[in-house]
PDB file of N, CA and C in Angstrom:
ATOM      1  N   GLN A   1     -49.613 -29.050  33.553  1.00  0.00           N
ATOM      2  CA  GLN A   1     -48.853 -29.030  33.033  1.00  0.00           C
ATOM      3  C   GLN A   1     -49.380 -29.629  30.796  1.00  0.00           C
ATOM      4  N   VAL A   2     -48.753 -28.822  30.751  1.00  0.00           N
ATOM      5  CA  VAL A   2     -49.536 -29.508  29.189  1.00  0.00           C
ATOM      6  C   VAL A   2     -47.872 -30.022  28.106  1.00  0.00           C
ATOM      7  N   GLN A   3     -48.375 -31.806  27.389  1.00  0.00           N
ATOM      8  CA  GLN A   3     -48.300 -32.256  26.918  1.00  0.00           C
ATOM      9  C   GLN A   3     -48.535 -32.829  25.963  1.00  0.00           C
ATOM     10  N   VAL A   4     -47.539 -33.441  24.718  1.00  0.00           N
ATOM     11  CA  VAL A   4     -48.221 -34.562  24.218  1.00  0.00           C
ATOM     12  C   VAL A   4     -48.319 -35.463  24.732  1.00  0.00           C
ATOM     13  N   VAL A   5     -48.817 -36.398  24.093  1.00  0.00           N
ATOM     14  CA  VAL A   5     -49.449 -37.556  24.840  1.00  0.00           C
ATOM     15  C   VAL A   5     -50.260 -38.142  23.714  1.00  0.00           C
ATOM     16  N   GLU A   6     -50.138 -40.278  24.308  1.00  0.00           N
ATOM     17  CA  GLU A   6     -49.681 -40.500  22.590  1.00  0.00           C
ATOM     18  C   GLU A   6     -51.675 -40.783  22.713  1.00  0.00           C
ATOM     19  N   PRO A   7     -52.513 -41.667  21.222  1.00  0.00           N
ATOM     20  CA  PRO A   7     -51.767 -41.524  20.445  1.00  0.00           C
ATOM     21  C   PRO A   7     -50.688 -40.615  19.508  1.00  0.00           C
ATOM     22  N   GLY A   8     -50.337 -40.184  18.421  1.00  0.00           N
ATOM     23  CA  GLY A   8     -49.934 -39.112  17.803  1.00  0.00           C
ATOM     24  C   GLY A   8     -48.418 -39.029  17.405  1.00  0.00           C
ATOM     25  N   GLY A   9     -47.838 -38.585  16.504  1.00  0.00           N
ATOM     26  CA  GLY A   9     -46.235 -38.521  15.618  1.00  0.00           C
ATOM     27  C   GLY A   9     -46.399 -39.577  15.243  1.00  0.00           C
ATOM     28  N   GLY A  10     -44.839 -40.037  14.602  1.00  0.00           N
ATOM     29  CA  GLY A  10     -44.101 -41.222  14.191  1.00  0.00           C
ATOM     30  C   GLY A  10     -44.003 -40.968  13.027  1.00  0.00           C
ATOM     31  N   LEU A  11     -43.698 -42.218  12.016  1.00  0.00           N
ATOM     32  CA  LEU A  11     -43.428 -41.868   9.998  1.00  0.00           C
ATOM     33  C   LEU A  11     -44.664 -41.964   9.931  1.00  0.00           C
ATOM     34  N   SER A  12     -45.034 -41.027   8.996  1.00  0.00           N
ATOM     35  CA  SER A  12     -45.913 -40.680   7.775  1.00  0.00           C
ATOM     36  C   SER A  12     -45.104 -40.314   6.295  1.00  0.00           C
ATOM     37  N   HIS A  13     -45.638 -40.850   5.400  1.00  0.00           N
ATOM     38  CA  HIS A  13     -45.644 -39.743   4.113  1.00  0.00           C
ATOM     39  C   HIS A  13     -45.944 -38.984   3.352  1.00  0.00           C
ATOM     40  N   ALA A  14     -45.558 -38.855   2.609  1.00  0.00           N
ATOM     41  CA  ALA A  14     -46.066 -37.096   2.101  1.00  0.00           C
ATOM     42  C   ALA A  14     -47.583 -37.544   1.027  1.00  0.00           C
ATOM     43  N   GLY A  15     -48.220 -36.680   1.709  1.00  0.00           N
ATOM     44  CA  GLY A  15     -49.519 -36.910   1.553  1.00  0.00           C
ATOM     45  C   GLY A  15     -50.744 -38.121   2.128  1.00  0.00           C
ATOM     46  N   GLY A  16     -49.938 -37.956   2.889  1.00  0.00           N
ATOM     47  CA  GLY A  16     -50.556 -38.783   4.698  1.00  0.00           C
ATOM     48  C   GLY A  16     -51.134 -38.111   4.786  1.00  0.00           C
ATOM     49  N   SER A  17     -51.986 -39.007   6.546  1.00  0.00           N
ATOM     50  CA  SER A  17     -52.402 -38.337   7.796  1.00  0.00           C
ATOM     51  C   SER A  17     -52.376 -38.608   9.093  1.00  0.00           C
ATOM     52  N   LEU A  18     -52.227 -37.766   9.855  1.00  0.00           N
ATOM     53  CA  LEU A  18     -51.671 -38.071  11.521  1.00  0.00           C
ATOM     54  C   LEU A  18     -52.673 -36.741  11.660  1.00  0.00           C
ATOM     55  N   ARG A  19     -52.990 -37.588  13.592  1.00  0.00           N
ATOM     56  CA  ARG A  19     -53.223 -36.552  14.293  1.00  0.00           C
ATOM     57  C   ARG A  19     -52.736 -37.313  16.073  1.00  0.00           C
ATOM     58  N   LEU A  20     -52.163 -35.893  16.250  1.00  0.00           N
ATOM     59  CA  LEU A  20     -51.849 -35.916  17.297  1.00  0.00           C
ATOM     60  C   LEU A  20     -52.701 -35.452  18.913  1.00  0.00           C
ATOM     61  N   SER A  21     -52.412 -35.901  19.520  1.00  0.00           N
ATOM     62  CA  SER A  21     -53.626 -35.697  20.648  1.00  0.00           C
ATOM     63  C   SER A  21     -52.329 -35.254  22.625  1.00  0.00           C
ATOM     64  N   CYS A  22     -53.070 -33.518  23.053  1.00  0.00           N
ATOM     65  CA  CYS A  22     -52.521 -32.916  23.421  1.00  0.00           C
ATOM     66  C   CYS A  22     -53.027 -33.005  25.035  1.00  0.00           C
ATOM     67  N   ALA A  23     -52.442 -33.273  26.225  1.00  0.00           N
ATOM     68  CA  ALA A  23     -53.474 -33.882  27.673  1.00  0.00           C
ATOM     69  C   ALA A  23     -52.696 -32.435  28.217  1.00  0.00           C
ATOM     70  N   ALA A  24     -53.476 -32.023  28.881  1.00  0.00           N
ATOM     71  CA  ALA A  24     -53.229 -31.307  30.265  1.00  0.00           C
ATOM     72  C   ALA A  24     -53.753 -31.738  32.055  1.00  0.00           C
ATOM     73  N   SER A  25     -52.952 -31.238  32.912  1.00  0.00           N
ATOM     74  CA  SER A  25     -52.453 -32.014  34.576  1.00  0.00           C
ATOM     75  C   SER A  25     -51.913 -30.513  34.924  1.00  0.00           C
ATOM     76  N   GLY A  26     -52.368 -30.583  35.965  1.00  0.00           N
ATOM     77  CA  GLY A  26     -52.282 -29.466  37.161  1.00  0.00           C
ATOM     78  C   GLY A  26     -52.966 -28.324  36.635  1.00  0.00           C
ATOM     79  N   LEU A  27     -53.835 -28.145  36.051  1.00  0.00           N
ATOM     80  CA  LEU A  27     -55.174 -26.985  35.631  1.00  0.00           C
ATOM     81  C   LEU A  27     -56.259 -27.649  34.913  1.00  0.00           C
ATOM     82  N   THR A  28     -57.129 -26.153  35.605  1.00  0.00           N
ATOM     83  CA  THR A  28     -58.362 -26.500  34.750  1.00  0.00           C
ATOM     84  C   THR A  28     -58.454 -25.514  33.332  1.00  0.00           C
ATOM     85  N   PHE A  29     -58.236 -26.930  32.446  1.00  0.00           N
ATOM     86  CA  PHE A  29     -58.241 -27.603  31.062  1.00  0.00           C
ATOM     87  C   PHE A  29     -58.834 -27.027  30.478  1.00  0.00           C
ATOM     88  N   ARG A  30     -60.091 -26.692  30.424  1.00  0.00           N
ATOM     89  CA  ARG A  30     -61.508 -25.362  29.855  1.00  0.00           C
ATOM     90  C   ARG A  30     -60.927 -24.135  29.890  1.00  0.00           C
ATOM     91  N   ASN A  31     -60.013 -23.905  30.964  1.00  0.00           N
ATOM     92  CA  ASN A  31     -59.852 -22.275  31.024  1.00  0.00           C
ATOM     93  C   ASN A  31     -58.634 -21.961  30.595  1.00  0.00           C
ATOM     94  N   TYR A  32     -58.002 -22.607  29.375  1.00  0.00           N
ATOM     95  CA  TYR A  32     -56.927 -22.327  28.710  1.00  0.00           C
ATOM     96  C   TYR A  32     -56.896 -22.685  27.226  1.00  0.00           C
ATOM     97  N   ALA A  33     -56.769 -22.295  26.056  1.00  0.00           N
ATOM     98  CA  ALA A  33     -55.883 -21.569  25.346  1.00  0.00           C
ATOM     99  C   ALA A  33     -55.049 -22.775  24.421  1.00  0.00           C
ATOM    100  N   ILE A  34     -55.077 -23.428  24.014  1.00  0.00           N
ATOM    101  CA  ILE A  34     -54.136 -24.498  23.452  1.00  0.00           C
ATOM    102  C   ILE A  34     -53.363 -24.395  22.139  1.00  0.00           C
ATOM    103  N   GLY A  35     -52.353 -24.007  21.992  1.00  0.00           N
ATOM    104  CA  GLY A  35     -51.451 -23.876  20.732  1.00  0.00           C
ATOM    105  C   GLY A  35     -50.332 -25.153  20.840  1.00  0.00           C
ATOM    106  N   TRP A  36     -50.234 -24.983  19.076  1.00  0.00           N
ATOM    107  CA  TRP A  36     -49.189 -26.288  18.687  1.00  0.00           C
ATOM    108  C   TRP A  36     -48.173 -25.790  17.776  1.00  0.00           C
ATOM    109  N   PHE A  37     -47.095 -26.362  18.650  1.00  0.00           N
ATOM    110  CA  PHE A  37     -45.135 -25.829  17.637  1.00  0.00           C
ATOM    111  C   PHE A  37     -44.548 -26.541  17.613  1.00  0.00           C
ATOM    112  N   ARG A  38     -44.175 -26.546  16.408  1.00  0.00           N
ATOM    113  CA  ARG A  38     -42.921 -27.558  15.885  1.00  0.00           C
ATOM    114  C   ARG A  38     -41.922 -26.763  15.814  1.00  0.00           C
ATOM    115  N   GLN A  39     -40.744 -27.486  15.499  1.00  0.00           N
ATOM    116  CA  GLN A  39     -39.308 -27.451  16.313  1.00  0.00           C
ATOM    117  C   GLN A  39     -38.343 -28.691  14.718  1.00  0.00           C
ATOM    118  N   ALA A  40     -37.960 -28.381  13.300  1.00  0.00           N
ATOM    119  CA  ALA A  40     -37.385 -28.983  13.005  1.00  0.00           C
ATOM    120  C   ALA A  40     -36.099 -28.570  13.329  1.00  0.00           C
ATOM    121  N   PRO A  41     -35.436 -29.607  12.184  1.00  0.00           N
ATOM    122  CA  PRO A  41     -33.967 -29.578  13.399  1.00  0.00           C
ATOM    123  C   PRO A  41     -32.979 -28.486  12.946  1.00  0.00           C
ATOM    124  N   GLY A  42     -31.956 -28.247  13.572  1.00  0.00           N
ATOM    125  CA  GLY A  42     -31.478 -27.185  12.903  1.00  0.00           C
ATOM    126  C   GLY A  42     -32.984 -25.636  13.125  1.00  0.00           C
ATOM    127  N   LYS A  43     -33.850 -25.525  13.744  1.00  0.00           N
ATOM    128  CA  LYS A  43     -34.601 -24.343  13.130  1.00  0.00           C
ATOM    129  C   LYS A  43     -35.502 -23.689  14.434  1.00  0.00           C
ATOM    130  N   GLU A  44     -35.665 -22.809  14.555  1.00  0.00           N
ATOM    131  CA  GLU A  44     -36.279 -22.126  15.670  1.00  0.00           C
ATOM    132  C   GLU A  44     -37.764 -22.932  15.323  1.00  0.00           C
ATOM    133  N   ARG A  45     -38.150 -23.037  16.635  1.00  0.00           N
ATOM    134  CA  ARG A  45     -40.062 -23.477  17.782  1.00  0.00           C
ATOM    135  C   ARG A  45     -40.595 -22.176  16.356  1.00  0.00           C
ATOM    136  N   GLU A  46     -41.700 -22.772  15.998  1.00  0.00           N
ATOM    137  CA  GLU A  46     -42.359 -21.925  14.917  1.00  0.00           C
ATOM    138  C   GLU A  46     -43.596 -22.215  15.889  1.00  0.00           C
ATOM    139  N   PHE A  47     -44.804 -21.585  15.778  1.00  0.00           N
ATOM    140  CA  PHE A  47     -46.601 -21.788  15.772  1.00  0.00           C
ATOM    141  C   PHE A  47     -46.768 -22.355  14.683  1.00  0.00           C
ATOM    142  N   VAL A  48     -47.676 -23.697  15.239  1.00  0.00           N
ATOM    143  CA  VAL A  48     -48.126 -24.688  13.943  1.00  0.00           C
ATOM    144  C   VAL A  48     -49.859 -23.893  14.190  1.00  0.00           C
ATOM    145  N   SER A  49     -50.607 -23.913  15.074  1.00  0.00           N
ATOM    146  CA  SER A  49     -51.932 -23.441  15.205  1.00  0.00           C
ATOM    147  C   SER A  49     -52.493 -23.330  17.142  1.00  0.00           C
ATOM    148  N   ALA A  50     -53.178 -23.255  16.911  1.00  0.00           N
ATOM    149  CA  ALA A  50     -53.929 -22.628  18.499  1.00  0.00           C
ATOM    150  C   ALA A  50     -55.643 -22.999  18.750  1.00  0.00           C
ATOM    151  N   ILE A  51     -55.874 -23.186  19.120  1.00  0.00           N
ATOM    152  CA  ILE A  51     -57.728 -23.200  19.635  1.00  0.00           C
ATOM    153  C   ILE A  51     -57.838 -22.555  20.913  1.00  0.00           C
ATOM    154  N   SER A  52     -59.058 -21.610  20.536  1.00  0.00           N
ATOM    155  CA  SER A  52     -59.428 -21.475  22.252  1.00  0.00           C
ATOM    156  C   SER A  52     -59.762 -22.261  23.472  1.00  0.00           C
ATOM    157  N   TRP A  53     -59.729 -21.317  24.625  1.00  0.00           N
ATOM    158  CA  TRP A  53     -60.536 -22.615  25.518  1.00  0.00           C
ATOM    159  C   TRP A  53     -61.429 -22.811  25.535  1.00  0.00           C
ATOM    160  N   ALA A  54     -63.118 -21.977  24.222  1.00  0.00           N
ATOM    161  CA  ALA A  54     -64.289 -22.589  24.738  1.00  0.00           C
ATOM    162  C   ALA A  54     -64.386 -23.623  22.669  1.00  0.00           C
ATOM    163  N   GLY A  55     -63.070 -23.127  22.232  1.00  0.00           N
ATOM    164  CA  GLY A  55     -62.634 -23.864  21.219  1.00  0.00           C
ATOM    165  C   GLY A  55     -64.241 -23.200  20.337  1.00  0.00           C
ATOM    166  N   ILE A  56     -63.811 -21.669  20.318  1.00  0.00           N
ATOM    167  CA  ILE A  56     -64.884 -21.001  19.244  1.00  0.00           C
ATOM    168  C   ILE A  56     -63.726 -21.075  18.432  1.00  0.00           C
ATOM    169  N   ARG A  57     -62.344 -20.277  18.860  1.00  0.00           N
ATOM    170  CA  ARG A  57     -61.626 -19.561  17.520  1.00  0.00           C
ATOM    171  C   ARG A  57     -60.900 -20.232  17.517  1.00  0.00           C
ATOM    172  N   THR A  58     -59.840 -21.190  16.263  1.00  0.00           N
ATOM    173  CA  THR A  58     -59.546 -21.223  16.176  1.00  0.00           C
ATOM    174  C   THR A  58     -58.330 -20.116  15.083  1.00  0.00           C
ATOM    175  N   ARG A  59     -57.110 -20.858  14.684  1.00  0.00           N
ATOM    176  CA  ARG A  59     -55.737 -19.969  14.759  1.00  0.00           C
ATOM    177  C   ARG A  59     -54.918 -21.489  13.885  1.00  0.00           C
ATOM    178  N   TYR A  60     -53.894 -20.780  12.796  1.00  0.00           N
ATOM    179  CA  TYR A  60     -53.306 -21.308  11.745  1.00  0.00           C
ATOM    180  C   TYR A  60     -52.590 -20.257  11.382  1.00  0.00           C
ATOM    181  N   ALA A  61     -50.940 -21.334  11.158  1.00  0.00           N
ATOM    182  CA  ALA A  61     -49.814 -20.816  10.372  1.00  0.00           C
ATOM    183  C   ALA A  61     -49.443 -21.303   9.317  1.00  0.00           C
ATOM    184  N   ASP A  62     -50.198 -20.237   8.322  1.00  0.00           N
ATOM    185  CA  ASP A  62     -49.935 -20.110   7.168  1.00  0.00           C
ATOM    186  C   ASP A  62     -49.480 -21.445   6.068  1.00  0.00           C
ATOM    187  N   ALA A  63     -48.391 -22.045   6.848  1.00  0.00           N
ATOM    188  CA  ALA A  63     -47.650 -23.412   6.501  1.00  0.00           C
ATOM    189  C   ALA A  63     -48.459 -24.456   6.585  1.00  0.00           C
ATOM    190  N   VAL A  64     -48.872 -24.049   7.279  1.00  0.00           N
ATOM    191  CA  VAL A  64     -50.541 -25.591   7.705  1.00  0.00           C
ATOM    192  C   VAL A  64     -52.201 -25.107   7.500  1.00  0.00           C
ATOM    193  N   LYS A  65     -52.037 -23.940   7.163  1.00  0.00           N
ATOM    194  CA  LYS A  65     -54.352 -23.728   6.728  1.00  0.00           C
ATOM    195  C   LYS A  65     -54.000 -23.912   4.915  1.00  0.00           C
ATOM    196  N   GLY A  66     -55.685 -24.657   5.831  1.00  0.00           N
ATOM    197  CA  GLY A  66     -56.261 -25.559   4.706  1.00  0.00           C
ATOM    198  C   GLY A  66     -55.518 -27.329   5.230  1.00  0.00           C
ATOM    199  N   ARG A  67     -54.989 -27.190   5.232  1.00  0.00           N
ATOM    200  CA  ARG A  67     -54.499 -28.826   5.526  1.00  0.00           C
ATOM    201  C   ARG A  67     -54.044 -29.374   7.298  1.00  0.00           C
ATOM    202  N   ALA A  68     -54.453 -28.694   8.133  1.00  0.00           N
ATOM    203  CA  ALA A  68     -54.572 -28.929   9.578  1.00  0.00           C
ATOM    204  C   ALA A  68     -55.787 -28.220  10.810  1.00  0.00           C
ATOM    205  N   THR A  69     -56.049 -29.225  10.963  1.00  0.00           N
ATOM    206  CA  THR A  69     -57.500 -28.351  11.718  1.00  0.00           C
ATOM    207  C   THR A  69     -57.175 -29.344  13.116  1.00  0.00           C
ATOM    208  N   ILE A  70     -57.288 -28.160  14.402  1.00  0.00           N
ATOM    209  CA  ILE A  70     -57.718 -28.157  15.781  1.00  0.00           C
ATOM    210  C   ILE A  70     -58.805 -28.429  15.742  1.00  0.00           C
ATOM    211  N   SER A  71     -59.055 -29.191  17.295  1.00  0.00           N
ATOM    212  CA  SER A  71     -60.185 -29.018  18.597  1.00  0.00           C
ATOM    213  C   SER A  71     -60.120 -29.613  19.244  1.00  0.00           C
ATOM    214  N   ARG A  72     -61.211 -29.565  20.226  1.00  0.00           N
ATOM    215  CA  ARG A  72     -60.228 -29.853  21.811  1.00  0.00           C
ATOM    216  C   ARG A  72     -62.493 -30.354  22.289  1.00  0.00           C
ATOM    217  N   ASP A  73     -61.561 -31.599  23.264  1.00  0.00           N
ATOM    218  CA  ASP A  73     -62.781 -31.867  23.712  1.00  0.00           C
ATOM    219  C   ASP A  73     -62.009 -32.209  25.698  1.00  0.00           C
ATOM    220  N   ASN A  74     -63.032 -30.714  25.671  1.00  0.00           N
ATOM    221  CA  ASN A  74     -62.563 -30.329  27.377  1.00  0.00           C
ATOM    222  C   ASN A  74     -62.882 -31.192  28.244  1.00  0.00           C
ATOM    223  N   ALA A  75     -64.331 -32.017  27.949  1.00  0.00           N
ATOM    224  CA  ALA A  75     -64.579 -33.337  28.729  1.00  0.00           C
ATOM    225  C   ALA A  75     -62.996 -34.295  28.869  1.00  0.00           C
ATOM    226  N   LYS A  76     -62.407 -34.340  28.178  1.00  0.00           N
ATOM    227  CA  LYS A  76     -61.693 -34.564  27.954  1.00  0.00           C
ATOM    228  C   LYS A  76     -60.001 -34.686  28.255  1.00  0.00           C
ATOM    229  N   ASN A  77     -60.060 -33.880  28.612  1.00  0.00           N
ATOM    230  CA  ASN A  77     -58.735 -32.105  28.148  1.00  0.00           C
ATOM    231  C   ASN A  77     -57.797 -33.037  27.333  1.00  0.00           C
ATOM    232  N   THR A  78     -58.101 -32.891  26.449  1.00  0.00           N
ATOM    233  CA  THR A  78     -57.176 -33.445  24.902  1.00  0.00           C
ATOM    234  C   THR A  78     -57.487 -31.859  23.843  1.00  0.00           C
ATOM    235  N   VAL A  79     -56.730 -31.707  23.418  1.00  0.00           N
ATOM    236  CA  VAL A  79     -56.541 -31.168  22.133  1.00  0.00           C
ATOM    237  C   VAL A  79     -56.122 -31.664  21.270  1.00  0.00           C
ATOM    238  N   TYR A  80     -56.711 -31.885  20.086  1.00  0.00           N
ATOM    239  CA  TYR A  80     -55.669 -32.723  18.923  1.00  0.00           C
ATOM    240  C   TYR A  80     -55.570 -31.524  18.158  1.00  0.00           C
ATOM    241  N   LEU A  81     -54.866 -31.713  17.109  1.00  0.00           N
ATOM    242  CA  LEU A  81     -54.145 -31.458  15.571  1.00  0.00           C
ATOM    243  C   LEU A  81     -54.420 -32.732  14.224  1.00  0.00           C
ATOM    244  N   GLN A  82     -54.847 -32.138  13.689  1.00  0.00           N
ATOM    245  CA  GLN A  82     -55.301 -33.498  12.600  1.00  0.00           C
ATOM    246  C   GLN A  82     -54.215 -32.671  11.598  1.00  0.00           C
ATOM    247  N   MET A  83     -53.550 -33.507  11.194  1.00  0.00           N
ATOM    248  CA  MET A  83     -52.522 -32.511   9.745  1.00  0.00           C
ATOM    249  C   MET A  83     -52.874 -33.109   8.663  1.00  0.00           C
ATOM    250  N   ASN A  84     -53.108 -33.055   7.578  1.00  0.00           N
ATOM    251  CA  ASN A  84     -54.476 -33.839   6.081  1.00  0.00           C
ATOM    252  C   ASN A  84     -53.399 -33.393   5.705  1.00  0.00           C
ATOM    253  N   SER A  85     -52.414 -34.194   4.296  1.00  0.00           N
ATOM    254  CA  SER A  85     -52.295 -34.052   2.665  1.00  0.00           C
ATOM    255  C   SER A  85     -50.517 -33.209   3.122  1.00  0.00           C
ATOM    256  N   LEU A  86     -49.900 -34.297   4.187  1.00  0.00           N
ATOM    257  CA  LEU A  86     -48.587 -34.081   4.994  1.00  0.00           C
ATOM    258  C   LEU A  86     -47.005 -33.554   3.796  1.00  0.00           C
ATOM    259  N   LYS A  87     -46.054 -32.710   3.678  1.00  0.00           N
ATOM    260  CA  LYS A  87     -45.025 -32.323   3.089  1.00  0.00           C
ATOM    261  C   LYS A  87     -44.200 -32.853   4.127  1.00  0.00           C
ATOM    262  N   LEU A  88     -43.084 -32.700   3.280  1.00  0.00           N
ATOM    263  CA  LEU A  88     -41.659 -33.440   3.749  1.00  0.00           C
ATOM    264  C   LEU A  88     -40.937 -31.874   4.758  1.00  0.00           C
ATOM    265  N   GLU A  89     -42.128 -31.182   4.205  1.00  0.00           N
ATOM    266  CA  GLU A  89     -42.037 -29.325   5.729  1.00  0.00           C
ATOM    267  C   GLU A  89     -42.074 -30.047   6.646  1.00  0.00           C
ATOM    268  N   ASP A  90     -43.446 -30.645   7.376  1.00  0.00           N
ATOM    269  CA  ASP A  90     -43.951 -31.074   8.138  1.00  0.00           C
ATOM    270  C   ASP A  90     -42.781 -31.746   9.460  1.00  0.00           C
ATOM    271  N   THR A  91     -41.717 -32.697   8.953  1.00  0.00           N
ATOM    272  CA  THR A  91     -41.291 -32.937   9.978  1.00  0.00           C
ATOM    273  C   THR A  91     -40.571 -32.018  11.118  1.00  0.00           C
ATOM    274  N   ALA A  92     -40.481 -32.697  11.734  1.00  0.00           N
ATOM    275  CA  ALA A  92     -40.534 -31.657  12.956  1.00  0.00           C
ATOM    276  C   ALA A  92     -40.844 -32.418  14.966  1.00  0.00           C
ATOM    277  N   VAL A  93     -40.003 -31.680  15.475  1.00  0.00           N
ATOM    278  CA  VAL A  93     -40.555 -32.692  16.941  1.00  0.00           C
ATOM    279  C   VAL A  93     -41.778 -31.204  16.664  1.00  0.00           C
ATOM    280  N   TYR A  94     -42.469 -31.825  17.377  1.00  0.00           N
ATOM    281  CA  TYR A  94     -44.118 -31.156  17.639  1.00  0.00           C
ATOM    282  C   TYR A  94     -44.403 -30.841  19.296  1.00  0.00           C
ATOM    283  N   TYR A  95     -44.886 -29.650  20.080  1.00  0.00           N
ATOM    284  CA  TYR A  95     -45.183 -29.564  21.260  1.00  0.00           C
ATOM    285  C   TYR A  95     -46.537 -28.682  21.556  1.00  0.00           C
ATOM    286  N   CYS A  96     -47.596 -29.180  22.498  1.00  0.00           N
ATOM    287  CA  CYS A  96     -48.774 -28.040  22.544  1.00  0.00           C
ATOM    288  C   CYS A  96     -47.968 -27.248  23.877  1.00  0.00           C
ATOM    289  N   ALA A  97     -48.616 -26.310  24.273  1.00  0.00           N
ATOM    290  CA  ALA A  97     -48.664 -25.731  25.192  1.00  0.00           C
ATOM    291  C   ALA A  97     -49.899 -24.690  25.656  1.00  0.00           C
ATOM    292  N   ALA A  98     -50.537 -24.270  26.640  1.00  0.00           N
ATOM    293  CA  ALA A  98     -51.157 -23.521  26.909  1.00  0.00           C
ATOM    294  C   ALA A  98     -50.413 -21.902  26.797  1.00  0.00           C
ATOM    295  N   VAL A  99     -51.528 -21.140  25.644  1.00  0.00           N
ATOM    296  CA  VAL A  99     -51.004 -19.761  25.026  1.00  0.00           C
ATOM    297  C   VAL A  99     -52.319 -18.876  25.361  1.00  0.00           C
ATOM    298  N   ASP A 100     -51.593 -17.442  24.937  1.00  0.00           N
ATOM    299  CA  ASP A 100     -52.188 -16.139  24.618  1.00  0.00           C
ATOM    300  C   ASP A 100     -52.537 -16.609  22.905  1.00  0.00           C
ATOM    301  N   MET A 101     -53.863 -16.503  23.318  1.00  0.00           N
ATOM    302  CA  MET A 101     -54.874 -16.413  21.949  1.00  0.00           C
ATOM    303  C   MET A 101     -54.285 -15.053  21.038  1.00  0.00           C
ATOM    304  N   VAL A 102     -53.953 -13.780  21.684  1.00  0.00           N
ATOM    305  CA  VAL A 102     -53.614 -12.633  21.154  1.00  0.00           C
ATOM    306  C   VAL A 102     -52.303 -12.656  20.917  1.00  0.00           C
ATOM    307  N   THR A 103     -51.013 -13.145  21.322  1.00  0.00           N
ATOM    308  CA  THR A 103     -50.139 -12.852  20.898  1.00  0.00           C
ATOM    309  C   THR A 103     -49.221 -14.737  20.544  1.00  0.00           C
ATOM    310  N   HIS A 104     -49.944 -15.946  20.432  1.00  0.00           N
ATOM    311  CA  HIS A 104     -49.137 -17.422  20.174  1.00  0.00           C
ATOM    312  C   HIS A 104     -48.634 -17.080  20.912  1.00  0.00           C
ATOM    313  N   ARG A 105     -47.901 -16.779  21.939  1.00  0.00           N
ATOM    314  CA  ARG A 105     -46.987 -17.197  22.877  1.00  0.00           C
ATOM    315  C   ARG A 105     -47.505 -18.187  24.146  1.00  0.00           C
ATOM    316  N   PRO A 106     -46.733 -18.721  24.701  1.00  0.00           N
ATOM    317  CA  PRO A 106     -46.992 -19.715  26.182  1.00  0.00           C
ATOM    318  C   PRO A 106     -47.359 -19.100  27.338  1.00  0.00           C
ATOM    319  N   LEU A 107     -47.416 -19.394  27.872  1.00  0.00           N
ATOM    320  CA  LEU A 107     -47.627 -19.238  29.186  1.00  0.00           C
ATOM    321  C   LEU A 107     -46.760 -19.136  30.222  1.00  0.00           C
ATOM    322  N   TYR A 108     -46.523 -20.142  29.782  1.00  0.00           N
ATOM    323  CA  TYR A 108     -45.161 -21.087  30.604  1.00  0.00           C
ATOM    324  C   TYR A 108     -44.266 -21.793  30.254  1.00  0.00           C
ATOM    325  N   ASP A 109     -43.544 -21.908  30.923  1.00  0.00           N
ATOM    326  CA  ASP A 109     -41.823 -21.994  30.447  1.00  0.00           C
ATOM    327  C   ASP A 109     -42.115 -23.703  30.564  1.00  0.00           C
ATOM    328  N   TYR A 110     -42.894 -23.887  30.233  1.00  0.00           N
ATOM    329  CA  TYR A 110     -43.026 -25.595  29.797  1.00  0.00           C
ATOM    330  C   TYR A 110     -43.196 -25.763  28.698  1.00  0.00           C
ATOM    331  N   TRP A 111     -42.492 -27.131  27.863  1.00  0.00           N
ATOM    332  CA  TRP A 111     -42.566 -27.892  26.716  1.00  0.00           C
ATOM    333  C   TRP A 111     -43.226 -29.215  26.739  1.00  0.00           C
ATOM    334  N   GLY A 112     -41.964 -29.844  27.379  1.00  0.00           N
ATOM    335  CA  GLY A 112     -42.494 -31.658  27.671  1.00  0.00           C
ATOM    336  C   GLY A 112     -41.638 -31.856  26.600  1.00  0.00           C
ATOM    337  N   GLN A 113     -41.470 -33.112  26.342  1.00  0.00           N
ATOM    338  CA  GLN A 113     -41.483 -33.835  25.969  1.00  0.00           C
ATOM    339  C   GLN A 113     -41.712 -34.101  23.982  1.00  0.00           C
ATOM    340  N   GLY A 114     -42.643 -33.769  23.851  1.00  0.00           N
ATOM    341  CA  GLY A 114     -43.250 -33.431  21.733  1.00  0.00           C
ATOM    342  C   GLY A 114     -42.562 -34.768  21.947  1.00  0.00           C
ATOM    343  N   THR A 115     -43.244 -34.655  20.535  1.00  0.00           N
ATOM    344  CA  THR A 115     -43.244 -35.909  19.709  1.00  0.00           C
ATOM    345  C   THR A 115     -42.673 -35.811  18.296  1.00  0.00           C
ATOM    346  N   GLN A 116     -41.954 -36.463  17.490  1.00  0.00           N
ATOM    347  CA  GLN A 116     -41.464 -36.610  16.617  1.00  0.00           C
ATOM    348  C   GLN A 116     -41.959 -37.235  14.959  1.00  0.00           C
ATOM    349  N   VAL A 117     -42.435 -36.159  14.212  1.00  0.00           N
ATOM    350  CA  VAL A 117     -43.402 -36.540  13.159  1.00  0.00           C
ATOM    351  C   VAL A 117     -42.891 -36.418  12.625  1.00  0.00           C
ATOM    352  N   THR A 118     -41.839 -37.600  11.264  1.00  0.00           N
ATOM    353  CA  THR A 118     -41.333 -37.303  10.125  1.00  0.00           C
ATOM    354  C   THR A 118     -42.263 -37.999   8.861  1.00  0.00           C
ATOM    355  N   VAL A 119     -41.868 -36.834   7.879  1.00  0.00           N
ATOM    356  CA  VAL A 119     -42.384 -37.053   6.962  1.00  0.00           C
ATOM    357  C   VAL A 119     -41.739 -38.216   5.632  1.00  0.00           C
ATOM    358  N   ALA A 120     -41.893 -38.346   4.737  1.00  0.00           N
ATOM    359  CA  ALA A 120     -40.775 -38.951   4.375  1.00  0.00           C
ATOM    360  C   ALA A 120     -41.257 -39.402   2.530  1.00  0.00           C
ATOM    361  N   SER A 121     -40.947 -39.225   1.964  1.00  0.00           N
ATOM    362  CA  SER A 121     -41.344 -39.581   0.409  1.00  0.00           C
ATOM    363  C   SER A 121     -41.463 -40.240   0.184  1.00  0.00           C
TER     364      SER A 121
END
């Protein structure tokens, strides 16, 4: 299972920064590409970012390109999403999941609880 864990989420202000953490269990973490997704109220879940199994390749959605940095520490079974210059539009519940790096689709039908990120003006 892959899911968002603390620290991360919470209330931030426009222009601020945050870091989300994703941890895995029940699998060999290093063998998987990991992606971040988010779902804003009343909207569909959307792809945010992904990182390959070795951390060499990264992908970003246009909405966060230039503001987000994804990284991973396989020794800690953790993937991070650093978000800078936060915008009101970044408000959403954020999820992480094992993904296919080609399609950006999750490999398993499990999202966990996610973490609420609220960006206020």
